[in-house]
Amino acid sequence: MGKGKKFFNKKRKGSFKAGVRKKNKFINKEHEVKNKKAMFNRYKDKQKVEEEFIKKKQMEQRFQKQQPACSESEDEADEDSYGQLVSCFKRDDNTNMIAESDGEISDEEPDDCDVNGTVESVNMEPNENNDHSLDEEESFDEQDIEGPEIENEVDSSNDPFTKHLQYDLPDELIVSLSNMPPTVKEISKTWPVLGNLVLSIPQPLRTLSKITKPKFSLIEEKVYASTATVPHIINNIDFKQLHLKSQICGNIVSANKNNLIKRDLELTDIFTPLQKELFTIMNNYQDLYYPERTFSNADEIRFTYCLHIVNHMIKTRTKILHHNAKIAKKSDLSEDYQDQGLVRPKVLIMVPFKDAAYRVVKTLIDIVVPKEAGQVVNKNRFEEDFTGGELILPSKNPKPEDYELLFSGNTDDTFRLGMTLTKKTLKLYTDFYSSDILIASPLGLRMIVGAEGEEDRDYDFLASIELLVLDQADVFLMQNWDHLLHVLDHFHLQPKKTHGTDFSRVRSWAVNGWAKYYRQTMVFSSVSLPEIKSVLNRKCANYAGKVLVANPPETGSIQQVLVQVPQLFHRFNAASPLAAVDARFEYFVKEILPRQRDALMAHTLVYVPSYFDFVRLRNYFKKEDIGFVQICEYSKDAKIARARDMFFHTEAHFLLYSERVHFFRRFRIKGIRHIIFYQPPTYPHFYSEMCNLMQESNQNKYGGSDCNMSVTVLHCKYDVARVAALLGAARAAALGAADKPVHMYVTGDK
């Protein structure tokens, strides 16, 4: 027994030493592999790594001459380690790569394993400000990513979302977009509903010298964004071909049924003809300017851009969740997982009043979480804040129909609202930096953005806006156009703070400061004006181009003038839009005002669209001691009543009347016998409204005779869009090309 026990202990002791030696050898091999990887990271070249490895092997062989020979198993382990290092330079084309798309999930194990074959896990710390950080509800949705729903979707490589946002821009296109004006290709199209379309698609410059590429390179060839294509009308609605997410497909018809009923369409239809053409352009991620918004098609337009926004956000969220699931299994963050911007907010919808914002949110709810299908957080608070506050409209002498439709509902113009979109929940009143969608008025944003020098100002939330909607842009012009321009100037600036951003997930074009080239802007207006069109020309630089709807008006609002008065159009010359301001004032003072100061020309109303021109004329009238009264948007009710009374009873020769007060109050001024339109009105129907106030029932019988009445309009070549809305495109073109500067029209003329 003694000898056996001694032999057993000796054998156990020997096996233990062998195990220790084996473990030490394995650790040495692990360090050797790490050293070789370090060589690779330092040299980034296969040949140099091999040379360094050979030198190291020679030194090891010299050392081994003084040490006992290694076993065959150790040599095999060395060869194995060397093979692992060399395999870093090889790429098997048949290896299944992890897909980037939302619809493909690879079952292959990740490649970034350590030498033991285990996958290094990444601990994702929750952060409410990050796009990829999830609350409890969102984390449960990750289980649905690999379901059959996504497997059945169309290949996302053809998805306009992927094409537009996935890739960087080539240098030739960046240079072209940086030029003012950029190099574009103009294309004209005519569609059944939208009519005449003018497409401007940026083209890359071909003059840049091309660098010759080597025949063989370890660096993969980078894929760049391609030049935009011309949109084509969709006739047959196929959700998969349109790349609409299946999550919302079942809600589209029910959410859009109000528009279908209004248009007397079959409930089996999905889109109205107008919606088909609008969504074709939106889904192509091109900027859009549609100046024919009316109260009858407003719901169709609103539903279309809300559908596009929801589809965009669901695709963004699905891609982030998909990548989160992969990152949890891998330690290497490659460019494949760059799916975010510098901050979280990606959509901004700007509307003029709370009632308009209320309608937008209700449309989003119908698309995302219809009845009993989801949850809306803070819905009661939203209902209280964005309803009520309606204007009390008079029953006697009612306002025009367009006024009642525009100012129905809550007319508060100072608001902002953040929203977060999840799979089954729409959260309202979220913090801006935790929101996906922002809805605000220009004034509401202007108060946050602030001015230079102010301490409490913030505009970082505008750094990564991918979709911008300006609905009812003409109303912005009546409120304060400078607020909108000021906000647009603060888009895509470098954030002052990080706001919890994971920069390993930020897209490279966002880091490079190219976010403005990827933003899609959609502008909807009821009138076509150069001020609104200039927003797309000067403040938007979408590399996918823009589509302008340009239908010249066949008939103007002069057709609605009922009173029989001569209407004189005076043309003056101006070298530029800026010079037109002074030229207009000089022409009015020298040519128009002297004749109107005659006693026979009493009861003259001067209609002034611009408030700056209004102030200039008011100061001139005071300086020249001309008898006048004034009504503007800042006038108090008592002064307005006194001014109207004095003008009607001939106590004041002139009445200065601003367009903005007419827009917001729509007064019926009595006693008008002569009207001077200092500039053609912004809204063409204001022209016929003001002229029709000259009818006999509104006149002071002691103020003059019916034969002493006139209408005068001042215009230049930069007012051609406004004049065309008054006279029609054909008449406006003839007016601008005529030699005589003064033309007269009479009601009933053809």
Foldseek 3Di string as FASTA:
>chain_A
DVVVVVVVVVVVVVVVVVVVVVVVLVVVLLVVLVVLVVVCVVPVDPVVSVVVVVVVVVVVVVVCVVPPDDDPVSVVSVVVSVVVSVCVLDDDPPDDDADLALQDGDPDADPPAGPVRAFDFDDDDADLLELLHDDPVQVVCLVCSNPVLSNPADPCVPQLLCLQPVFAADPQQVVQLPDVVGAWDWDWDADDPLGIKIWTFGDGDPPDDDDDDDPDDSDDDGDHRDTFDDFDFDDDDDCRVLVFRPLQPVLQLVLCVVLCVLVVHDSVDRADSVLRVVLSCVSSLFAEERQADDPSCVLRVLLSVLSSLVRSVVSLSSSSSSVVVVNRRHPDQDLSQQRAFLFAAAEEEADFFLQVVVSNVVSNCSRQANPPQAEEACPVVSCVVSFDCADDADPPPTFDPRLCSVRGTGGDRADKKFWADHRGYIYIRDDLRSGHYMYHYLNNQCVQQDDPPDDRHALPSQQQHAEYEYEAVVVCVLVPVVSVVVNLVSHNDDGPDSSPYDVSNHNPCNVVSNNLQRHHYYYYHNADAVVVVVCCSPSGSHNNTYMYSDDFFAFALLLLADAWAKEKEFEDDAPDPVRVLVRLVVCCVPPPVVVCLDLLNFQEEEEEADVVVLVVVVVVCVVVVAFEAEDDPPDDPVSVVVRLVCSQVRVGRYYYYYPSCCSNPVDLRAAHQEYEHSAQHRDRNVVSVNSNSNDPVRHDPVRHDNRRGYYYHYDYPSRLSSVCNHGNNVVSVCQHPDPDRMDIDTHPDD
